[in-house]
């Protein structure tokens, strides 16, 4: 999935600017470009705001007329021993079962 994302990316993700999950810049797939045959921002924005659902590295995204993702997926991570693992959503193939109750921290 990561290789496909990199292959279809219009521009590298902006890592210096924090964004909220509802306004993530990670929806840089080739689908909007292919739908309109180019890089015309007005056409791409119109397409993205049309109610179409697009698959991104964060999962399905669907934007409203303000450009907000109305279907954000919440991810939860947990330290399990020396590993930082995804525990939610539990339906995600990469998710690990949540460790509860957590054992006490060791010095």
C-alpha atoms as a PDB file:
ATOM      1  CA  UNK A   1       0.000   0.000   0.000  1.00  0.00           C
ATOM      2  CA  UNK A   2       2.839   2.433   0.795  1.00  0.00           C
ATOM      3  CA  UNK A   3       4.515   1.814  -2.576  1.00  0.00           C
ATOM      4  CA  UNK A   4       1.203   2.481  -4.346  1.00  0.00           C
ATOM      5  CA  UNK A   5       0.744   5.685  -2.347  1.00  0.00           C
ATOM      6  CA  UNK A   6       4.221   6.927  -3.251  1.00  0.00           C
ATOM      7  CA  UNK A   7       3.690   6.031  -6.911  1.00  0.00           C
ATOM      8  CA  UNK A   8       0.400   7.973  -7.057  1.00  0.00           C
ATOM      9  CA  UNK A   9       1.423  10.963  -4.993  1.00  0.00           C
ATOM     10  CA  UNK A  10       1.159  14.381  -6.628  1.00  0.00           C
ATOM     11  CA  UNK A  11       3.627  15.932  -4.191  1.00  0.00           C
ATOM     12  CA  UNK A  12       5.434  14.681  -1.103  1.00  0.00           C
ATOM     13  CA  UNK A  13       3.326  14.869   2.065  1.00  0.00           C
ATOM     14  CA  UNK A  14       3.884  18.005   4.105  1.00  0.00           C
ATOM     15  CA  UNK A  15       5.450  16.884   7.336  1.00  0.00           C
ATOM     16  CA  UNK A  16       6.340  20.268   8.775  1.00  0.00           C
ATOM     17  CA  UNK A  17       2.764  21.455   9.196  1.00  0.00           C
ATOM     18  CA  UNK A  18       0.565  19.628  11.705  1.00  0.00           C
ATOM     19  CA  UNK A  19      -2.973  19.030  10.516  1.00  0.00           C
ATOM     20  CA  UNK A  20      -6.092  17.764  12.146  1.00  0.00           C
ATOM     21  CA  UNK A  21      -7.408  14.352  11.060  1.00  0.00           C
ATOM     22  CA  UNK A  22     -10.324  16.051   9.299  1.00  0.00           C
ATOM     23  CA  UNK A  23      -8.008  18.123   7.095  1.00  0.00           C
ATOM     24  CA  UNK A  24      -5.264  15.683   6.274  1.00  0.00           C
ATOM     25  CA  UNK A  25      -3.145  16.263   3.144  1.00  0.00           C
ATOM     26  CA  UNK A  26      -2.654  12.523   2.670  1.00  0.00           C
ATOM     27  CA  UNK A  27      -5.287  12.151  -0.031  1.00  0.00           C
ATOM     28  CA  UNK A  28      -2.882  12.520  -2.899  1.00  0.00           C
ATOM     29  CA  UNK A  29      -4.062   9.644  -5.019  1.00  0.00           C
ATOM     30  CA  UNK A  30      -4.109   9.592  -8.789  1.00  0.00           C
ATOM     31  CA  UNK A  31      -7.905   9.182  -8.890  1.00  0.00           C
ATOM     32  CA  UNK A  32      -8.748  12.919  -8.830  1.00  0.00           C
ATOM     33  CA  UNK A  33      -6.091  13.613 -11.479  1.00  0.00           C
ATOM     34  CA  UNK A  34      -7.286  10.780 -13.691  1.00  0.00           C
ATOM     35  CA  UNK A  35     -10.900  11.934 -13.391  1.00  0.00           C
ATOM     36  CA  UNK A  36     -10.051  15.318 -14.865  1.00  0.00           C
ATOM     37  CA  UNK A  37      -6.927  14.542 -16.882  1.00  0.00           C
ATOM     38  CA  UNK A  38      -4.546  16.929 -15.217  1.00  0.00           C
ATOM     39  CA  UNK A  39      -3.527  19.144 -12.360  1.00  0.00           C
ATOM     40  CA  UNK A  40      -6.196  21.865 -12.522  1.00  0.00           C
ATOM     41  CA  UNK A  41      -6.785  22.589  -8.816  1.00  0.00           C
ATOM     42  CA  UNK A  42     -10.284  23.962  -9.399  1.00  0.00           C
ATOM     43  CA  UNK A  43     -11.386  20.777 -11.156  1.00  0.00           C
ATOM     44  CA  UNK A  44      -9.709  18.547  -8.567  1.00  0.00           C
ATOM     45  CA  UNK A  45     -11.340  20.455  -5.686  1.00  0.00           C
ATOM     46  CA  UNK A  46     -14.734  20.240  -7.405  1.00  0.00           C
ATOM     47  CA  UNK A  47     -14.249  16.496  -7.834  1.00  0.00           C
ATOM     48  CA  UNK A  48     -13.186  15.981  -4.214  1.00  0.00           C
ATOM     49  CA  UNK A  49     -16.151  18.008  -2.939  1.00  0.00           C
ATOM     50  CA  UNK A  50     -18.611  16.079  -5.136  1.00  0.00           C
ATOM     51  CA  UNK A  51     -19.192  13.406  -2.482  1.00  0.00           C
ATOM     52  CA  UNK A  52     -16.889  10.778  -3.967  1.00  0.00           C
ATOM     53  CA  UNK A  53     -15.158   8.435  -1.501  1.00  0.00           C
ATOM     54  CA  UNK A  54     -11.423   7.995  -2.072  1.00  0.00           C
ATOM     55  CA  UNK A  55      -9.069   5.436  -0.557  1.00  0.00           C
ATOM     56  CA  UNK A  56      -5.975   6.956   1.051  1.00  0.00           C
ATOM     57  CA  UNK A  57      -3.216   5.684   3.307  1.00  0.00           C
ATOM     58  CA  UNK A  58      -5.508   6.674   6.184  1.00  0.00           C
ATOM     59  CA  UNK A  59      -8.445   4.695   4.816  1.00  0.00           C
ATOM     60  CA  UNK A  60     -11.579   5.968   3.106  1.00  0.00           C
ATOM     61  CA  UNK A  61     -12.023   9.726   2.954  1.00  0.00           C
ATOM     62  CA  UNK A  62     -15.012  11.727   1.810  1.00  0.00           C
ATOM     63  CA  UNK A  63     -14.995  15.520   1.820  1.00  0.00           C
ATOM     64  CA  UNK A  64     -17.879  17.912   2.353  1.00  0.00           C
ATOM     65  CA  UNK A  65     -18.250  21.298   0.638  1.00  0.00           C
ATOM     66  CA  UNK A  66     -15.823  22.863   3.153  1.00  0.00           C
ATOM     67  CA  UNK A  67     -13.116  20.304   2.409  1.00  0.00           C
ATOM     68  CA  UNK A  68     -13.502  18.467   5.722  1.00  0.00           C
ATOM     69  CA  UNK A  69     -13.246  14.688   5.830  1.00  0.00           C
ATOM     70  CA  UNK A  70     -16.597  13.512   7.187  1.00  0.00           C
ATOM     71  CA  UNK A  71     -15.497   9.875   7.488  1.00  0.00           C
ATOM     72  CA  UNK A  72     -12.261  10.045   9.480  1.00  0.00           C
ATOM     73  CA  UNK A  73     -10.934   6.806  10.900  1.00  0.00           C
ATOM     74  CA  UNK A  74      -9.645   7.049  14.446  1.00  0.00           C
ATOM     75  CA  UNK A  75      -6.496   5.088  15.124  1.00  0.00           C
ATOM     76  CA  UNK A  76      -5.310   4.156  18.612  1.00  0.00           C
ATOM     77  CA  UNK A  77      -1.824   2.921  19.420  1.00  0.00           C
ATOM     78  CA  UNK A  78      -0.436   1.350  22.574  1.00  0.00           C
ATOM     79  CA  UNK A  79       2.986   0.448  23.911  1.00  0.00           C
ATOM     80  CA  UNK A  80       3.144  -3.313  24.356  1.00  0.00           C
ATOM     81  CA  UNK A  81       6.535  -4.143  25.801  1.00  0.00           C
ATOM     82  CA  UNK A  82       9.081  -2.451  23.532  1.00  0.00           C
ATOM     83  CA  UNK A  83       6.678  -2.181  20.570  1.00  0.00           C
ATOM     84  CA  UNK A  84       4.284   0.650  19.704  1.00  0.00           C
ATOM     85  CA  UNK A  85       1.364  -1.138  18.044  1.00  0.00           C
ATOM     86  CA  UNK A  86      -1.984  -0.230  16.506  1.00  0.00           C
ATOM     87  CA  UNK A  87      -4.902  -1.503  18.598  1.00  0.00           C
ATOM     88  CA  UNK A  88      -7.844   0.326  17.022  1.00  0.00           C
ATOM     89  CA  UNK A  89      -9.744   0.029  14.766  1.00  0.00           C
ATOM     90  CA  UNK A  90      -9.904  -3.631  15.675  1.00  0.00           C
ATOM     91  CA  UNK A  91     -11.130  -4.479  12.157  1.00  0.00           C
ATOM     92  CA  UNK A  92      -7.864  -3.238  10.613  1.00  0.00           C
ATOM     93  CA  UNK A  93      -5.652  -6.154   9.477  1.00  0.00           C
ATOM     94  CA  UNK A  94      -2.621  -4.548  11.156  1.00  0.00           C
ATOM     95  CA  UNK A  95      -4.303  -4.142  14.533  1.00  0.00           C
ATOM     96  CA  UNK A  96      -3.063  -6.007  17.591  1.00  0.00           C
ATOM     97  CA  UNK A  97      -5.349  -7.023  20.435  1.00  0.00           C
ATOM     98  CA  UNK A  98      -5.370  -4.328  23.111  1.00  0.00           C
ATOM     99  CA  UNK A  99      -3.431  -5.209  26.240  1.00  0.00           C
ATOM    100  CA  UNK A 100      -5.771  -4.642  29.190  1.00  0.00           C
ATOM    101  CA  UNK A 101      -5.145  -4.291  31.990  1.00  0.00           C
ATOM    102  CA  UNK A 102      -1.692  -2.974  31.218  1.00  0.00           C
ATOM    103  CA  UNK A 103       1.057  -4.365  33.435  1.00  0.00           C
ATOM    104  CA  UNK A 104       2.811  -1.906  35.758  1.00  0.00           C
ATOM    105  CA  UNK A 105       5.773  -0.009  34.322  1.00  0.00           C
ATOM    106  CA  UNK A 106       9.173  -1.387  35.290  1.00  0.00           C
ATOM    107  CA  UNK A 107      12.127   0.805  36.194  1.00  0.00           C
END
